Amino acid sequence: MTKRPIFEFISSEIRPNAALIVFPMPDDFSYGILQSNMHFEWFMARCSTLKGDYRYTSDTVFDTFPWPQSPTNKQIEVLAAAAVALRALRREIMTKHGWSLRELYRTLETPGTNPLRTAHETLDKAVREAYGMKPKDDILEFLLKLNLELAEKESQGEPIQGPGLPESYPDPAKLVTDDCIRVDSN
């Protein structure tokens, strides 16, 4: 088991059960935010535990996670491209070695150069830029401050950007790829 939640697109043909958390967002931007280190840090600070195992809970993690409020279209596209590249790399490595996602992510626990780590660093840089974070900003401090600012705005009836691709993005279909896990028809 790895310590990090691992997300993947699955086909709508797959019917999840209670043990699987589902985010019904089809776009690469949203995927990139959820798979980022920023979301991971928020998860670690806000998740529940069961017998010492970390559990993703929608009410304490997802519902309280502040999304970027005003990324540019370019930032959205760079982030989405990094998310697509991460998934492509994962599939390539898993196919080459016959690994599962868990086996692949265990490689992050070993020191040294790792293409998966590099792909995650690229994604994390794009996510930080979409949030307008400086490289030295502490992730949790930044997210907590943003969370409190957004809660205040929301209480005042001001609009905020919730989860998902910003509505202002001109071509959402451009950021929806078809690389999900599908039901094997054999």
N, C-alpha and C. Protein backbone atom coordinates (compact mmCIF):
# COMPACT_ATOMS: atom_id res chain seq x y z
N MET A 1 0.84 -1.18 0.00
CA MET A 1 0.00 0.00 0.00
C MET A 1 0.89 1.25 0.00
N THR A 2 0.46 2.27 -0.69
CA THR A 2 1.18 3.53 -0.66
C THR A 2 0.43 4.49 0.26
N LYS A 3 1.11 5.55 0.63
CA LYS A 3 0.50 6.53 1.52
C LYS A 3 -0.32 7.56 0.75
N ARG A 4 -0.14 7.65 -0.54
CA ARG A 4 -0.74 8.68 -1.37
C ARG A 4 -2.00 8.15 -2.06
N PRO A 5 -3.09 8.93 -2.05
CA PRO A 5 -4.23 8.50 -2.85
C PRO A 5 -3.88 8.61 -4.33
N ILE A 6 -4.28 7.61 -5.08
CA ILE A 6 -3.99 7.57 -6.51
C ILE A 6 -5.32 7.65 -7.24
N PHE A 7 -5.43 8.58 -8.15
CA PHE A 7 -6.67 8.78 -8.89
C PHE A 7 -6.51 8.29 -10.32
N GLU A 8 -7.63 7.87 -10.89
CA GLU A 8 -7.63 7.39 -12.26
C GLU A 8 -9.00 7.67 -12.86
N PHE A 9 -9.04 7.93 -14.16
CA PHE A 9 -10.31 8.05 -14.86
C PHE A 9 -10.85 6.65 -15.09
N ILE A 10 -12.15 6.47 -14.84
CA ILE A 10 -12.77 5.19 -15.17
C ILE A 10 -13.98 5.46 -16.06
N SER A 11 -14.29 4.50 -16.89
CA SER A 11 -15.43 4.62 -17.78
C SER A 11 -16.72 4.70 -16.97
N SER A 12 -17.70 5.40 -17.52
CA SER A 12 -19.01 5.46 -16.85
C SER A 12 -19.71 4.11 -16.90
N GLU A 13 -19.17 3.15 -17.65
CA GLU A 13 -19.71 1.79 -17.68
C GLU A 13 -19.42 1.05 -16.38
N ILE A 14 -18.41 1.50 -15.64
CA ILE A 14 -18.03 0.86 -14.39
C ILE A 14 -18.90 1.42 -13.28
N ARG A 15 -19.49 0.55 -12.51
CA ARG A 15 -20.36 0.96 -11.40
C ARG A 15 -19.59 0.80 -10.09
N PRO A 16 -19.16 1.92 -9.51
CA PRO A 16 -18.38 1.84 -8.27
C PRO A 16 -19.24 1.39 -7.09
N ASN A 17 -18.56 0.85 -6.08
CA ASN A 17 -19.26 0.48 -4.85
C ASN A 17 -18.85 1.45 -3.75
N ALA A 18 -19.23 1.16 -2.53
CA ALA A 18 -19.00 2.08 -1.41
C ALA A 18 -17.52 2.23 -1.07
N ALA A 19 -16.67 1.34 -1.52
CA ALA A 19 -15.24 1.42 -1.21
C ALA A 19 -14.47 2.31 -2.17
N LEU A 20 -15.15 2.87 -3.15
CA LEU A 20 -14.50 3.66 -4.18
C LEU A 20 -15.06 5.08 -4.16
N ILE A 21 -14.18 6.06 -4.06
CA ILE A 21 -14.59 7.46 -4.11
C ILE A 21 -14.64 7.87 -5.58
N VAL A 22 -15.73 8.51 -5.98
CA VAL A 22 -15.90 8.92 -7.37
C VAL A 22 -16.05 10.44 -7.44
N PHE A 23 -15.32 11.05 -8.36
CA PHE A 23 -15.44 12.47 -8.65
C PHE A 23 -15.99 12.57 -10.07
N PRO A 24 -17.22 12.96 -10.25
CA PRO A 24 -17.81 12.95 -11.59
C PRO A 24 -17.39 14.16 -12.43
N MET A 25 -16.09 14.28 -12.63
CA MET A 25 -15.54 15.37 -13.44
C MET A 25 -14.71 14.74 -14.56
N PRO A 26 -15.01 15.04 -15.80
CA PRO A 26 -14.33 14.36 -16.91
C PRO A 26 -13.07 15.05 -17.43
N ASP A 27 -12.73 16.21 -16.88
CA ASP A 27 -11.67 17.01 -17.51
C ASP A 27 -10.30 16.80 -16.88
N ASP A 28 -9.29 17.03 -17.69
CA ASP A 28 -7.90 16.83 -17.28
C ASP A 28 -7.43 17.87 -16.28
N PHE A 29 -7.98 19.07 -16.31
CA PHE A 29 -7.65 20.11 -15.33
C PHE A 29 -8.04 19.63 -13.92
N SER A 30 -9.28 19.18 -13.76
CA SER A 30 -9.75 18.73 -12.45
C SER A 30 -8.95 17.53 -11.97
N TYR A 31 -8.67 16.61 -12.89
CA TYR A 31 -7.85 15.45 -12.53
C TYR A 31 -6.49 15.92 -12.00
N GLY A 32 -5.88 16.87 -12.70
CA GLY A 32 -4.56 17.36 -12.29
C GLY A 32 -4.58 17.98 -10.91
N ILE A 33 -5.62 18.74 -10.60
CA ILE A 33 -5.75 19.33 -9.26
C ILE A 33 -5.84 18.22 -8.22
N LEU A 34 -6.71 17.24 -8.46
CA LEU A 34 -6.91 16.17 -7.48
C LEU A 34 -5.67 15.30 -7.29
N GLN A 35 -4.89 15.08 -8.35
CA GLN A 35 -3.70 14.22 -8.23
C GLN A 35 -2.47 15.00 -7.78
N SER A 36 -2.61 16.28 -7.56
CA SER A 36 -1.46 17.13 -7.20
C SER A 36 -1.03 16.97 -5.75
N ASN A 37 0.17 17.44 -5.48
CA ASN A 37 0.68 17.45 -4.12
C ASN A 37 -0.12 18.40 -3.22
N MET A 38 -0.67 19.45 -3.80
CA MET A 38 -1.49 20.38 -3.00
C MET A 38 -2.71 19.64 -2.44
N HIS A 39 -3.37 18.88 -3.28
CA HIS A 39 -4.53 18.12 -2.81
C HIS A 39 -4.08 17.02 -1.84
N PHE A 40 -2.95 16.40 -2.11
CA PHE A 40 -2.42 15.38 -1.21
C PHE A 40 -2.14 15.95 0.18
N GLU A 41 -1.52 17.12 0.24
CA GLU A 41 -1.24 17.75 1.54
C GLU A 41 -2.54 18.06 2.28
N TRP A 42 -3.53 18.56 1.56
CA TRP A 42 -4.84 18.83 2.18
C TRP A 42 -5.47 17.53 2.67
N PHE A 43 -5.38 16.49 1.85
CA PHE A 43 -5.87 15.16 2.24
C PHE A 43 -5.24 14.70 3.54
N MET A 44 -3.91 14.79 3.62
CA MET A 44 -3.21 14.32 4.82
C MET A 44 -3.62 15.11 6.07
N ALA A 45 -3.90 16.39 5.90
CA ALA A 45 -4.28 17.22 7.04
C ALA A 45 -5.74 17.03 7.42
N ARG A 46 -6.59 16.64 6.49
CA ARG A 46 -8.03 16.64 6.74
C ARG A 46 -8.69 15.26 6.73
N CYS A 47 -7.98 14.22 6.33
CA CYS A 47 -8.61 12.90 6.19
C CYS A 47 -8.92 12.28 7.54
N SER A 48 -9.71 11.23 7.49
CA SER A 48 -9.96 10.44 8.69
C SER A 48 -9.07 9.20 8.62
N THR A 49 -9.06 8.44 9.68
CA THR A 49 -8.29 7.20 9.69
C THR A 49 -9.18 6.07 10.18
N LEU A 50 -8.87 4.88 9.72
CA LEU A 50 -9.56 3.68 10.15
C LEU A 50 -8.47 2.64 10.41
N LYS A 51 -8.31 2.27 11.67
CA LYS A 51 -7.26 1.32 12.07
C LYS A 51 -5.88 1.79 11.59
N GLY A 52 -5.65 3.08 11.59
CA GLY A 52 -4.36 3.63 11.19
C GLY A 52 -4.22 3.88 9.70
N ASP A 53 -5.20 3.43 8.90
CA ASP A 53 -5.16 3.67 7.46
C ASP A 53 -5.86 4.99 7.15
N TYR A 54 -5.27 5.78 6.26
CA TYR A 54 -5.87 7.04 5.87
C TYR A 54 -7.09 6.78 5.00
N ARG A 55 -8.15 7.57 5.22
CA ARG A 55 -9.39 7.42 4.45
C ARG A 55 -9.78 8.76 3.85
N TYR A 56 -10.04 8.75 2.57
CA TYR A 56 -10.51 9.94 1.89
C TYR A 56 -11.98 10.10 2.23
N THR A 57 -12.33 11.25 2.78
CA THR A 57 -13.72 11.52 3.11
C THR A 57 -14.16 12.78 2.38
N SER A 58 -15.29 12.68 1.71
CA SER A 58 -15.72 13.82 0.91
C SER A 58 -16.06 15.04 1.76
N ASP A 59 -16.64 14.84 2.93
CA ASP A 59 -17.03 16.00 3.72
C ASP A 59 -15.85 16.74 4.35
N THR A 60 -14.81 16.05 4.75
CA THR A 60 -13.68 16.74 5.38
C THR A 60 -12.55 17.07 4.41
N VAL A 61 -12.43 16.34 3.32
CA VAL A 61 -11.35 16.59 2.37
C VAL A 61 -11.87 17.34 1.13
N PHE A 62 -12.69 16.68 0.34
CA PHE A 62 -13.12 17.27 -0.93
C PHE A 62 -13.96 18.54 -0.74
N ASP A 63 -14.94 18.47 0.13
CA ASP A 63 -15.85 19.61 0.30
C ASP A 63 -15.17 20.85 0.86
N THR A 64 -14.05 20.68 1.53
CA THR A 64 -13.36 21.83 2.13
C THR A 64 -12.14 22.27 1.33
N PHE A 65 -11.80 21.52 0.30
CA PHE A 65 -10.61 21.83 -0.49
C PHE A 65 -10.88 23.03 -1.38
N PRO A 66 -10.09 24.11 -1.24
CA PRO A 66 -10.31 25.29 -2.09
C PRO A 66 -9.66 25.12 -3.46
N TRP A 67 -10.43 25.37 -4.50
CA TRP A 67 -9.94 25.26 -5.87
C TRP A 67 -9.36 26.59 -6.32
N PRO A 68 -8.47 26.57 -7.33
CA PRO A 68 -7.93 27.83 -7.84
C PRO A 68 -9.08 28.74 -8.28
N GLN A 69 -8.97 30.00 -7.96
CA GLN A 69 -10.07 30.93 -8.21
C GLN A 69 -10.00 31.66 -9.54
N SER A 70 -8.84 31.89 -10.05
CA SER A 70 -8.77 32.66 -11.30
C SER A 70 -7.58 32.27 -12.16
N PRO A 71 -7.45 30.97 -12.47
CA PRO A 71 -6.34 30.60 -13.36
C PRO A 71 -6.61 31.13 -14.77
N THR A 72 -5.54 31.45 -15.46
CA THR A 72 -5.67 31.88 -16.85
C THR A 72 -5.96 30.66 -17.72
N ASN A 73 -6.45 30.90 -18.92
CA ASN A 73 -6.67 29.79 -19.84
C ASN A 73 -5.37 29.04 -20.12
N LYS A 74 -4.28 29.77 -20.25
CA LYS A 74 -2.97 29.15 -20.48
C LYS A 74 -2.58 28.26 -19.30
N GLN A 75 -2.77 28.74 -18.06
CA GLN A 75 -2.46 27.94 -16.87
C GLN A 75 -3.33 26.68 -16.83
N ILE A 76 -4.58 26.82 -17.18
CA ILE A 76 -5.49 25.67 -17.21
C ILE A 76 -4.98 24.63 -18.21
N GLU A 77 -4.59 25.09 -19.39
CA GLU A 77 -4.13 24.18 -20.44
C GLU A 77 -2.80 23.52 -20.09
N VAL A 78 -1.89 24.26 -19.48
CA VAL A 78 -0.60 23.68 -19.08
C VAL A 78 -0.83 22.62 -18.00
N LEU A 79 -1.69 22.92 -17.05
CA LEU A 79 -2.00 21.97 -15.98
C LEU A 79 -2.65 20.71 -16.56
N ALA A 80 -3.61 20.88 -17.44
CA ALA A 80 -4.29 19.74 -18.07
C ALA A 80 -3.29 18.89 -18.86
N ALA A 81 -2.40 19.53 -19.59
CA ALA A 81 -1.40 18.79 -20.37
C ALA A 81 -0.46 17.99 -19.46
N ALA A 82 -0.10 18.56 -18.32
CA ALA A 82 0.75 17.85 -17.36
C ALA A 82 0.01 16.64 -16.79
N ALA A 83 -1.29 16.77 -16.58
CA ALA A 83 -2.10 15.65 -16.07
C ALA A 83 -2.17 14.53 -17.10
N VAL A 84 -2.37 14.88 -18.36
CA VAL A 84 -2.42 13.88 -19.43
C VAL A 84 -1.07 13.18 -19.55
N ALA A 85 0.01 13.95 -19.49
CA ALA A 85 1.36 13.38 -19.60
C ALA A 85 1.64 12.42 -18.43
N LEU A 86 1.18 12.78 -17.24
CA LEU A 86 1.36 11.91 -16.07
C LEU A 86 0.66 10.57 -16.29
N ARG A 87 -0.59 10.62 -16.73
CA ARG A 87 -1.33 9.37 -16.94
C ARG A 87 -0.70 8.54 -18.05
N ALA A 88 -0.23 9.18 -19.12
CA ALA A 88 0.42 8.45 -20.21
C ALA A 88 1.70 7.77 -19.72
N LEU A 89 2.48 8.48 -18.94
CA LEU A 89 3.71 7.90 -18.39
C LEU A 89 3.38 6.71 -17.48
N ARG A 90 2.37 6.87 -16.64
CA ARG A 90 1.99 5.77 -15.74
C ARG A 90 1.62 4.53 -16.54
N ARG A 91 0.79 4.69 -17.57
CA ARG A 91 0.40 3.54 -18.39
C ARG A 91 1.61 2.90 -19.06
N GLU A 92 2.51 3.73 -19.56
CA GLU A 92 3.71 3.22 -20.23
C GLU A 92 4.55 2.38 -19.28
N ILE A 93 4.82 2.90 -18.10
CA ILE A 93 5.66 2.18 -17.12
C ILE A 93 4.95 0.93 -16.62
N MET A 94 3.66 1.03 -16.35
CA MET A 94 2.92 -0.13 -15.84
C MET A 94 2.88 -1.25 -16.88
N THR A 95 2.69 -0.88 -18.14
CA THR A 95 2.67 -1.88 -19.21
C THR A 95 4.04 -2.53 -19.36
N LYS A 96 5.08 -1.72 -19.35
CA LYS A 96 6.44 -2.22 -19.52
C LYS A 96 6.82 -3.22 -18.43
N HIS A 97 6.41 -2.94 -17.18
CA HIS A 97 6.83 -3.78 -16.05
C HIS A 97 5.73 -4.73 -15.54
N GLY A 98 4.52 -4.61 -16.08
CA GLY A 98 3.42 -5.44 -15.60
C GLY A 98 2.98 -5.06 -14.19
N TRP A 99 3.09 -3.78 -13.86
CA TRP A 99 2.78 -3.30 -12.51
C TRP A 99 1.36 -2.78 -12.40
N SER A 100 0.87 -2.77 -11.16
CA SER A 100 -0.37 -2.08 -10.83
C SER A 100 -0.03 -0.63 -10.47
N LEU A 101 -1.04 0.19 -10.30
CA LEU A 101 -0.80 1.57 -9.85
C LEU A 101 -0.08 1.59 -8.50
N ARG A 102 -0.49 0.74 -7.59
CA ARG A 102 0.15 0.69 -6.27
C ARG A 102 1.63 0.34 -6.40
N GLU A 103 1.93 -0.66 -7.22
CA GLU A 103 3.34 -1.04 -7.41
C GLU A 103 4.13 0.11 -8.03
N LEU A 104 3.53 0.78 -8.98
CA LEU A 104 4.19 1.93 -9.61
C LEU A 104 4.47 3.02 -8.57
N TYR A 105 3.50 3.35 -7.76
CA TYR A 105 3.67 4.44 -6.80
C TYR A 105 4.61 4.09 -5.65
N ARG A 106 4.81 2.82 -5.41
CA ARG A 106 5.81 2.43 -4.41
C ARG A 106 7.21 2.86 -4.83
N THR A 107 7.43 3.03 -6.13
CA THR A 107 8.76 3.47 -6.60
C THR A 107 9.09 4.87 -6.12
N LEU A 108 8.08 5.66 -5.75
CA LEU A 108 8.34 7.01 -5.23
C LEU A 108 8.99 6.98 -3.84
N GLU A 109 8.92 5.84 -3.19
CA GLU A 109 9.50 5.71 -1.85
C GLU A 109 11.01 5.47 -1.89
N THR A 110 11.54 5.21 -3.07
CA THR A 110 12.98 4.97 -3.19
C THR A 110 13.67 6.25 -3.67
N PRO A 111 14.86 6.51 -3.16
CA PRO A 111 15.57 7.73 -3.59
C PRO A 111 16.09 7.61 -5.02
N GLY A 112 16.46 8.74 -5.56
CA GLY A 112 17.06 8.75 -6.90
C GLY A 112 16.11 9.28 -7.95
N THR A 113 16.62 9.31 -9.16
CA THR A 113 15.85 9.80 -10.29
C THR A 113 14.71 8.84 -10.58
N ASN A 114 13.54 9.43 -10.84
CA ASN A 114 12.36 8.61 -11.08
C ASN A 114 11.46 9.40 -12.05
N PRO A 115 11.16 8.85 -13.23
CA PRO A 115 10.33 9.58 -14.18
C PRO A 115 8.94 9.91 -13.64
N LEU A 116 8.40 9.05 -12.79
CA LEU A 116 7.10 9.34 -12.19
C LEU A 116 7.18 10.55 -11.27
N ARG A 117 8.24 10.61 -10.48
CA ARG A 117 8.45 11.75 -9.59
C ARG A 117 8.58 13.05 -10.41
N THR A 118 9.33 12.98 -11.50
CA THR A 118 9.51 14.14 -12.37
C THR A 118 8.17 14.59 -12.96
N ALA A 119 7.36 13.64 -13.39
CA ALA A 119 6.04 13.98 -13.95
C ALA A 119 5.15 14.63 -12.89
N HIS A 120 5.23 14.13 -11.66
CA HIS A 120 4.45 14.74 -10.57
C HIS A 120 4.97 16.14 -10.25
N GLU A 121 6.28 16.33 -10.30
CA GLU A 121 6.83 17.67 -10.05
C GLU A 121 6.36 18.66 -11.12
N THR A 122 6.30 18.21 -12.36
CA THR A 122 5.81 19.07 -13.44
C THR A 122 4.34 19.43 -13.21
N LEU A 123 3.55 18.44 -12.84
CA LEU A 123 2.14 18.69 -12.53
C LEU A 123 2.01 19.66 -11.35
N ASP A 124 2.77 19.41 -10.29
CA ASP A 124 2.68 20.25 -9.09
C ASP A 124 3.06 21.70 -9.38
N LYS A 125 4.04 21.90 -10.23
CA LYS A 125 4.44 23.26 -10.61
C LYS A 125 3.29 23.96 -11.34
N ALA A 126 2.64 23.24 -12.24
CA ALA A 126 1.51 23.81 -12.98
C ALA A 126 0.33 24.12 -12.05
N VAL A 127 0.11 23.27 -11.08
CA VAL A 127 -0.98 23.50 -10.12
C VAL A 127 -0.68 24.72 -9.27
N ARG A 128 0.53 24.81 -8.77
CA ARG A 128 0.90 25.98 -7.96
C ARG A 128 0.71 27.28 -8.76
N GLU A 129 1.09 27.25 -10.02
CA GLU A 129 0.93 28.44 -10.86
C GLU A 129 -0.55 28.78 -11.07
N ALA A 130 -1.39 27.77 -11.21
CA ALA A 130 -2.83 28.01 -11.38
C ALA A 130 -3.43 28.65 -10.13
N TYR A 131 -2.86 28.35 -8.99
CA TYR A 131 -3.30 28.95 -7.72
C TYR A 131 -2.68 30.32 -7.49
N GLY A 132 -1.63 30.63 -8.23
CA GLY A 132 -0.91 31.88 -7.99
C GLY A 132 0.01 31.79 -6.79
N MET A 133 0.48 30.58 -6.48
CA MET A 133 1.38 30.36 -5.36
C MET A 133 2.81 30.67 -5.74
N LYS A 134 3.54 31.23 -4.81
CA LYS A 134 4.97 31.43 -4.99
C LYS A 134 5.68 30.12 -4.65
N PRO A 135 6.85 29.88 -5.24
CA PRO A 135 7.55 28.61 -4.99
C PRO A 135 7.84 28.33 -3.51
N LYS A 136 8.06 29.35 -2.73
CA LYS A 136 8.41 29.14 -1.32
C LYS A 136 7.19 29.10 -0.39
N ASP A 137 5.98 29.37 -0.91
CA ASP A 137 4.78 29.35 -0.07
C ASP A 137 4.55 27.96 0.51
N ASP A 138 4.19 27.90 1.78
CA ASP A 138 3.80 26.65 2.42
C ASP A 138 2.42 26.25 1.91
N ILE A 139 2.28 25.03 1.45
CA ILE A 139 1.04 24.57 0.84
C ILE A 139 -0.14 24.68 1.80
N LEU A 140 -0.01 24.11 2.98
CA LEU A 140 -1.15 24.11 3.90
C LEU A 140 -1.51 25.52 4.37
N GLU A 141 -0.53 26.34 4.64
CA GLU A 141 -0.82 27.73 5.03
C GLU A 141 -1.57 28.44 3.91
N PHE A 142 -1.11 28.27 2.68
CA PHE A 142 -1.73 28.90 1.53
C PHE A 142 -3.18 28.42 1.38
N LEU A 143 -3.38 27.10 1.43
CA LEU A 143 -4.72 26.55 1.23
C LEU A 143 -5.67 26.94 2.36
N LEU A 144 -5.18 26.94 3.59
CA LEU A 144 -6.04 27.33 4.71
C LEU A 144 -6.46 28.79 4.58
N LYS A 145 -5.52 29.66 4.24
CA LYS A 145 -5.84 31.08 4.05
C LYS A 145 -6.87 31.24 2.93
N LEU A 146 -6.67 30.53 1.81
CA LEU A 146 -7.62 30.59 0.70
C LEU A 146 -8.98 30.05 1.14
N ASN A 147 -8.98 28.95 1.85
CA ASN A 147 -10.22 28.36 2.34
C ASN A 147 -11.00 29.36 3.19
N LEU A 148 -10.32 30.04 4.10
CA LEU A 148 -10.98 31.01 4.97
C LEU A 148 -11.49 32.22 4.17
N GLU A 149 -10.71 32.68 3.21
CA GLU A 149 -11.15 33.79 2.36
C GLU A 149 -12.39 33.41 1.56
N LEU A 150 -12.41 32.21 1.04
CA LEU A 150 -13.55 31.76 0.24
C LEU A 150 -14.79 31.54 1.11
N ALA A 151 -14.59 31.04 2.31
CA ALA A 151 -15.72 30.87 3.23
C ALA A 151 -16.35 32.23 3.55
N GLU A 152 -15.51 33.23 3.75
CA GLU A 152 -16.02 34.58 4.02
C GLU A 152 -16.78 35.13 2.82
N LYS A 153 -16.21 34.97 1.63
CA LYS A 153 -16.88 35.44 0.41
C LYS A 153 -18.23 34.74 0.25
N GLU A 154 -18.22 33.43 0.46
CA GLU A 154 -19.44 32.65 0.29
C GLU A 154 -20.51 33.10 1.30
N SER A 155 -20.09 33.38 2.54
CA SER A 155 -21.05 33.84 3.55
C SER A 155 -21.63 35.21 3.21
N GLN A 156 -20.90 35.98 2.42
CA GLN A 156 -21.37 37.30 1.98
C GLN A 156 -22.18 37.22 0.69
N GLY A 157 -22.37 36.00 0.19
CA GLY A 157 -23.13 35.81 -1.04
C GLY A 157 -22.34 36.07 -2.31
N GLU A 158 -21.02 36.22 -2.19
CA GLU A 158 -20.18 36.43 -3.36
C GLU A 158 -19.89 35.10 -4.04
N PRO A 159 -19.81 35.10 -5.37
CA PRO A 159 -19.52 33.85 -6.07
C PRO A 159 -18.06 33.41 -5.87
N ILE A 160 -17.87 32.11 -5.80
CA ILE A 160 -16.52 31.54 -5.72
C ILE A 160 -16.43 30.42 -6.75
N GLN A 161 -15.21 30.08 -7.13
CA GLN A 161 -14.99 28.98 -8.06
C GLN A 161 -14.96 27.69 -7.26
N GLY A 162 -15.94 26.84 -7.48
CA GLY A 162 -15.98 25.55 -6.81
C GLY A 162 -15.17 24.51 -7.57
N PRO A 163 -15.33 23.25 -7.21
CA PRO A 163 -14.59 22.17 -7.87
C PRO A 163 -14.87 22.10 -9.36
N GLY A 164 -13.85 21.73 -10.10
CA GLY A 164 -14.00 21.52 -11.53
C GLY A 164 -13.39 22.61 -12.37
N LEU A 165 -13.52 22.43 -13.64
CA LEU A 165 -13.00 23.36 -14.64
C LEU A 165 -13.75 24.68 -14.52
N PRO A 166 -13.04 25.80 -14.46
CA PRO A 166 -13.73 27.09 -14.38
C PRO A 166 -14.71 27.27 -15.54
N GLU A 167 -15.89 27.79 -15.21
CA GLU A 167 -16.92 27.99 -16.24
C GLU A 167 -16.47 28.96 -17.32
N SER A 168 -15.52 29.81 -17.00
CA SER A 168 -15.03 30.79 -17.97
C SER A 168 -14.16 30.18 -19.06
N TYR A 169 -13.72 28.92 -18.87
CA TYR A 169 -12.86 28.31 -19.88
C TYR A 169 -13.66 28.13 -21.17
N PRO A 170 -13.15 28.63 -22.31
CA PRO A 170 -13.96 28.70 -23.53
C PRO A 170 -14.28 27.37 -24.22
N ASP A 171 -13.45 26.33 -24.04
CA ASP A 171 -13.67 25.09 -24.79
C ASP A 171 -13.43 23.87 -23.90
N PRO A 172 -14.37 23.58 -22.97
CA PRO A 172 -14.16 22.47 -22.04
C PRO A 172 -13.89 21.13 -22.72
N ALA A 173 -14.49 20.88 -23.87
CA ALA A 173 -14.29 19.60 -24.57
C ALA A 173 -12.82 19.39 -24.94
N LYS A 174 -12.09 20.46 -25.10
CA LYS A 174 -10.66 20.40 -25.44
C LYS A 174 -9.85 19.73 -24.33
N LEU A 175 -10.37 19.78 -23.11
CA LEU A 175 -9.65 19.24 -21.95
C LEU A 175 -10.23 17.93 -21.44
N VAL A 176 -10.97 17.25 -22.30
CA VAL A 176 -11.53 15.94 -21.95
C VAL A 176 -10.90 14.90 -22.86
N THR A 177 -10.04 14.06 -22.29
CA THR A 177 -9.41 13.00 -23.07
C THR A 177 -10.14 11.69 -22.84
N ASP A 178 -9.87 10.74 -23.67
CA ASP A 178 -10.58 9.46 -23.61
C ASP A 178 -9.62 8.34 -23.21
N ASP A 179 -8.93 8.54 -22.11
CA ASP A 179 -7.95 7.53 -21.68
C ASP A 179 -8.35 6.91 -20.34
N CYS A 180 -9.63 6.63 -20.20
CA CYS A 180 -10.12 6.06 -18.94
C CYS A 180 -10.00 4.54 -18.93
N ILE A 181 -10.08 4.00 -17.73
CA ILE A 181 -10.11 2.54 -17.57
C ILE A 181 -11.50 2.07 -18.01
N ARG A 182 -11.51 1.03 -18.81
CA ARG A 182 -12.78 0.52 -19.35
C ARG A 182 -13.04 -0.91 -18.88
N VAL A 183 -14.27 -1.32 -18.99
CA VAL A 183 -14.65 -2.70 -18.68
C VAL A 183 -14.11 -3.57 -19.81
N ASP A 184 -13.42 -4.64 -19.46
CA ASP A 184 -12.90 -5.57 -20.46
C ASP A 184 -14.06 -6.34 -21.04
N SER A 185 -14.22 -6.28 -22.34
CA SER A 185 -15.38 -6.92 -23.00
C SER A 185 -15.13 -8.39 -23.33
N ASN A 186 -13.98 -8.93 -22.97
CA ASN A 186 -13.69 -10.34 -23.26
C ASN A 186 -14.31 -11.25 -22.25
